[in-house]
């Protein structure tokens, strides 16, 4: 289902070229991307719990887009960019693999990522359902679109 390895590498190189325009070193860019990558799931949950209906819809669209990207690129494009930038062979799922006592390799990374993604999407949809569809209140209120 995924794109060719050559196309995937072209996309990675294009993203890296654009990121280099920031004027930061590759190691610094890789660090900030990894920090973003690790923290965003937590921030998304917080935003989903406290955010408006419109914000939650936007986050769900983003999450499904990330899932499609994961499937198309046969793995996480952010992890590939991070690894290319800072020459570190570590991903955000490696601690999970170590805790589970599994060997840290690309096959296990991919399999555990699918499980984590499934759980994360399930939790996100559950939060959305409880907040906006299960409580008997209308899903959209006049203040939802006010910043």
C-alpha atoms as a PDB file:
ATOM      1  CA  UNK A   1       0.000   0.000   0.000  1.00  0.00           C
ATOM      2  CA  UNK A   2       2.941   2.332   0.566  1.00  0.00           C
ATOM      3  CA  UNK A   3       4.910   4.513  -1.784  1.00  0.00           C
ATOM      4  CA  UNK A   4       8.249   3.417  -3.194  1.00  0.00           C
ATOM      5  CA  UNK A   5      11.381   3.742  -1.102  1.00  0.00           C
ATOM      6  CA  UNK A   6      12.784   6.194  -3.642  1.00  0.00           C
ATOM      7  CA  UNK A   7       9.754   8.488  -3.388  1.00  0.00           C
ATOM      8  CA  UNK A   8       9.801   8.270   0.408  1.00  0.00           C
ATOM      9  CA  UNK A   9      13.475   9.281   0.425  1.00  0.00           C
ATOM     10  CA  UNK A  10      12.720  12.179  -1.931  1.00  0.00           C
ATOM     11  CA  UNK A  11      10.020  13.415   0.447  1.00  0.00           C
ATOM     12  CA  UNK A  12      12.403  13.112   3.408  1.00  0.00           C
ATOM     13  CA  UNK A  13      15.143  15.032   1.568  1.00  0.00           C
ATOM     14  CA  UNK A  14      12.680  17.741   0.528  1.00  0.00           C
ATOM     15  CA  UNK A  15      11.490  18.154   4.136  1.00  0.00           C
ATOM     16  CA  UNK A  16      15.090  18.325   5.360  1.00  0.00           C
ATOM     17  CA  UNK A  17      15.928  20.978   2.758  1.00  0.00           C
ATOM     18  CA  UNK A  18      12.989  23.070   3.946  1.00  0.00           C
ATOM     19  CA  UNK A  19      13.941  22.617   7.613  1.00  0.00           C
ATOM     20  CA  UNK A  20      17.544  23.674   6.919  1.00  0.00           C
ATOM     21  CA  UNK A  21      16.182  27.030   5.782  1.00  0.00           C
ATOM     22  CA  UNK A  22      15.623  27.760   9.488  1.00  0.00           C
ATOM     23  CA  UNK A  23      19.383  28.270   9.799  1.00  0.00           C
ATOM     24  CA  UNK A  24      19.776  25.725  12.599  1.00  0.00           C
ATOM     25  CA  UNK A  25      22.132  22.754  12.639  1.00  0.00           C
ATOM     26  CA  UNK A  26      20.771  19.356  11.626  1.00  0.00           C
ATOM     27  CA  UNK A  27      21.368  18.064  15.153  1.00  0.00           C
ATOM     28  CA  UNK A  28      19.332  20.929  16.660  1.00  0.00           C
ATOM     29  CA  UNK A  29      16.490  20.490  14.176  1.00  0.00           C
ATOM     30  CA  UNK A  30      16.472  16.737  14.893  1.00  0.00           C
ATOM     31  CA  UNK A  31      16.343  17.416  18.641  1.00  0.00           C
ATOM     32  CA  UNK A  32      13.409  19.814  18.361  1.00  0.00           C
ATOM     33  CA  UNK A  33      11.537  17.454  16.035  1.00  0.00           C
ATOM     34  CA  UNK A  34      12.054  14.564  18.456  1.00  0.00           C
ATOM     35  CA  UNK A  35      10.852  16.712  21.379  1.00  0.00           C
ATOM     36  CA  UNK A  36       7.752  17.707  19.375  1.00  0.00           C
ATOM     37  CA  UNK A  37       7.183  14.085  18.381  1.00  0.00           C
ATOM     38  CA  UNK A  38       7.342  12.832  21.970  1.00  0.00           C
ATOM     39  CA  UNK A  39       5.204  15.579  23.515  1.00  0.00           C
ATOM     40  CA  UNK A  40       2.454  16.163  20.953  1.00  0.00           C
ATOM     41  CA  UNK A  41       0.341  13.113  21.886  1.00  0.00           C
ATOM     42  CA  UNK A  42       0.148  14.370  25.481  1.00  0.00           C
ATOM     43  CA  UNK A  43      -0.661  17.918  24.362  1.00  0.00           C
ATOM     44  CA  UNK A  44      -3.326  16.593  21.980  1.00  0.00           C
ATOM     45  CA  UNK A  45      -5.061  14.756  24.841  1.00  0.00           C
ATOM     46  CA  UNK A  46      -5.035  17.890  26.986  1.00  0.00           C
ATOM     47  CA  UNK A  47      -6.408  19.962  24.107  1.00  0.00           C
ATOM     48  CA  UNK A  48      -9.065  17.344  23.328  1.00  0.00           C
ATOM     49  CA  UNK A  49     -10.201  17.322  26.954  1.00  0.00           C
ATOM     50  CA  UNK A  50     -10.411  21.119  27.212  1.00  0.00           C
ATOM     51  CA  UNK A  51     -10.790  22.287  23.597  1.00  0.00           C
ATOM     52  CA  UNK A  52     -13.893  23.217  21.676  1.00  0.00           C
ATOM     53  CA  UNK A  53     -15.813  21.037  19.269  1.00  0.00           C
ATOM     54  CA  UNK A  54     -14.142  22.659  16.250  1.00  0.00           C
ATOM     55  CA  UNK A  55     -10.658  22.182  17.722  1.00  0.00           C
ATOM     56  CA  UNK A  56     -11.435  18.526  18.445  1.00  0.00           C
ATOM     57  CA  UNK A  57     -12.622  17.970  14.879  1.00  0.00           C
ATOM     58  CA  UNK A  58      -9.383  19.540  13.627  1.00  0.00           C
ATOM     59  CA  UNK A  59      -7.289  17.289  15.853  1.00  0.00           C
ATOM     60  CA  UNK A  60      -9.167  14.171  14.742  1.00  0.00           C
ATOM     61  CA  UNK A  61      -8.640  15.121  11.101  1.00  0.00           C
ATOM     62  CA  UNK A  62      -4.944  15.653  11.819  1.00  0.00           C
ATOM     63  CA  UNK A  63      -4.693  12.270  13.591  1.00  0.00           C
ATOM     64  CA  UNK A  64      -6.369  10.410  10.741  1.00  0.00           C
ATOM     65  CA  UNK A  65      -4.061  12.238   8.317  1.00  0.00           C
ATOM     66  CA  UNK A  66      -1.075  11.101  10.380  1.00  0.00           C
ATOM     67  CA  UNK A  67      -2.397   7.525  10.278  1.00  0.00           C
ATOM     68  CA  UNK A  68      -2.774   7.663   6.501  1.00  0.00           C
ATOM     69  CA  UNK A  69       0.757   9.083   6.226  1.00  0.00           C
ATOM     70  CA  UNK A  70       2.034   6.263   8.465  1.00  0.00           C
ATOM     71  CA  UNK A  71       0.413   3.667   6.215  1.00  0.00           C
ATOM     72  CA  UNK A  72       1.508   5.296   2.951  1.00  0.00           C
ATOM     73  CA  UNK A  73       5.128   5.797   4.026  1.00  0.00           C
ATOM     74  CA  UNK A  74       5.283   2.397   5.766  1.00  0.00           C
ATOM     75  CA  UNK A  75       6.246   4.031   9.050  1.00  0.00           C
ATOM     76  CA  UNK A  76       6.522   7.395  10.654  1.00  0.00           C
ATOM     77  CA  UNK A  77       7.908  10.057   8.347  1.00  0.00           C
ATOM     78  CA  UNK A  78       8.875  12.214  11.344  1.00  0.00           C
ATOM     79  CA  UNK A  79      11.016   9.407  12.787  1.00  0.00           C
ATOM     80  CA  UNK A  80      12.752   8.972   9.449  1.00  0.00           C
ATOM     81  CA  UNK A  81      13.473  12.700   9.182  1.00  0.00           C
ATOM     82  CA  UNK A  82      14.734  12.800  12.778  1.00  0.00           C
ATOM     83  CA  UNK A  83      17.059   9.837  12.206  1.00  0.00           C
ATOM     84  CA  UNK A  84      18.400  11.337   8.990  1.00  0.00           C
ATOM     85  CA  UNK A  85      19.042  14.702  10.633  1.00  0.00           C
ATOM     86  CA  UNK A  86      20.769  13.647  13.839  1.00  0.00           C
ATOM     87  CA  UNK A  87      22.135  10.176  12.973  1.00  0.00           C
ATOM     88  CA  UNK A  88      20.460   8.663  16.042  1.00  0.00           C
ATOM     89  CA  UNK A  89      18.858   5.252  15.708  1.00  0.00           C
ATOM     90  CA  UNK A  90      16.126   5.777  18.276  1.00  0.00           C
ATOM     91  CA  UNK A  91      12.397   6.361  17.917  1.00  0.00           C
ATOM     92  CA  UNK A  92       9.624   7.330  20.298  1.00  0.00           C
ATOM     93  CA  UNK A  93       8.492   3.689  20.560  1.00  0.00           C
ATOM     94  CA  UNK A  94      11.894   2.314  21.608  1.00  0.00           C
ATOM     95  CA  UNK A  95      11.224   2.772  25.358  1.00  0.00           C
ATOM     96  CA  UNK A  96       7.994   0.805  24.938  1.00  0.00           C
ATOM     97  CA  UNK A  97       9.881  -2.000  23.200  1.00  0.00           C
ATOM     98  CA  UNK A  98      12.452  -2.098  25.993  1.00  0.00           C
ATOM     99  CA  UNK A  99       9.768  -2.113  28.706  1.00  0.00           C
ATOM    100  CA  UNK A 100       8.050  -5.022  26.928  1.00  0.00           C
ATOM    101  CA  UNK A 101      11.370  -6.856  26.639  1.00  0.00           C
ATOM    102  CA  UNK A 102      11.234  -6.863  22.836  1.00  0.00           C
ATOM    103  CA  UNK A 103      14.235  -6.465  20.574  1.00  0.00           C
ATOM    104  CA  UNK A 104      14.613  -2.920  19.285  1.00  0.00           C
ATOM    105  CA  UNK A 105      14.419  -3.303  15.500  1.00  0.00           C
ATOM    106  CA  UNK A 106      12.380  -1.787  12.691  1.00  0.00           C
ATOM    107  CA  UNK A 107       9.920  -4.702  12.473  1.00  0.00           C
ATOM    108  CA  UNK A 108       9.043  -4.489  16.177  1.00  0.00           C
ATOM    109  CA  UNK A 109       8.956  -0.692  16.015  1.00  0.00           C
ATOM    110  CA  UNK A 110       6.382  -0.857  13.228  1.00  0.00           C
ATOM    111  CA  UNK A 111       4.223  -3.492  14.949  1.00  0.00           C
ATOM    112  CA  UNK A 112       4.204  -1.681  18.293  1.00  0.00           C
ATOM    113  CA  UNK A 113       3.493   1.618  16.516  1.00  0.00           C
ATOM    114  CA  UNK A 114       0.350   0.116  14.989  1.00  0.00           C
ATOM    115  CA  UNK A 115      -0.841  -0.979  18.438  1.00  0.00           C
ATOM    116  CA  UNK A 116      -0.038   2.401  19.998  1.00  0.00           C
ATOM    117  CA  UNK A 117      -1.716   4.252  17.109  1.00  0.00           C
ATOM    118  CA  UNK A 118      -4.832   2.093  17.459  1.00  0.00           C
ATOM    119  CA  UNK A 119      -5.020   2.726  21.195  1.00  0.00           C
ATOM    120  CA  UNK A 120      -4.368   6.445  20.754  1.00  0.00           C
ATOM    121  CA  UNK A 121      -7.039   6.851  18.093  1.00  0.00           C
ATOM    122  CA  UNK A 122      -9.492   4.832  20.176  1.00  0.00           C
ATOM    123  CA  UNK A 123      -8.833   7.047  23.202  1.00  0.00           C
ATOM    124  CA  UNK A 124      -9.154  10.210  21.091  1.00  0.00           C
ATOM    125  CA  UNK A 125     -12.454   9.113  19.598  1.00  0.00           C
ATOM    126  CA  UNK A 126     -13.680   8.081  23.048  1.00  0.00           C
ATOM    127  CA  UNK A 127     -12.819  11.510  24.476  1.00  0.00           C
ATOM    128  CA  UNK A 128     -14.608  13.160  21.569  1.00  0.00           C
ATOM    129  CA  UNK A 129     -17.636  10.886  21.956  1.00  0.00           C
ATOM    130  CA  UNK A 130     -17.959  11.472  25.690  1.00  0.00           C
ATOM    131  CA  UNK A 131     -17.459  15.230  25.429  1.00  0.00           C
ATOM    132  CA  UNK A 132     -19.644  16.002  22.434  1.00  0.00           C
ATOM    133  CA  UNK A 133     -21.910  13.124  21.500  1.00  0.00           C
ATOM    134  CA  UNK A 134     -22.661  11.070  24.603  1.00  0.00           C
ATOM    135  CA  UNK A 135     -23.741  13.708  27.085  1.00  0.00           C
ATOM    136  CA  UNK A 136     -26.996  14.777  25.457  1.00  0.00           C
ATOM    137  CA  UNK A 137     -25.734  18.303  24.789  1.00  0.00           C
ATOM    138  CA  UNK A 138     -25.673  19.660  21.263  1.00  0.00           C
ATOM    139  CA  UNK A 139     -22.328  19.037  19.562  1.00  0.00           C
ATOM    140  CA  UNK A 140     -21.947  22.676  18.490  1.00  0.00           C
ATOM    141  CA  UNK A 141     -22.637  25.678  20.665  1.00  0.00           C
ATOM    142  CA  UNK A 142     -22.380  29.307  19.587  1.00  0.00           C
ATOM    143  CA  UNK A 143     -19.115  29.853  21.512  1.00  0.00           C
ATOM    144  CA  UNK A 144     -17.278  26.932  19.898  1.00  0.00           C
ATOM    145  CA  UNK A 145     -15.948  28.965  17.009  1.00  0.00           C
ATOM    146  CA  UNK A 146     -14.816  31.947  19.075  1.00  0.00           C
ATOM    147  CA  UNK A 147     -11.030  31.977  19.686  1.00  0.00           C
END
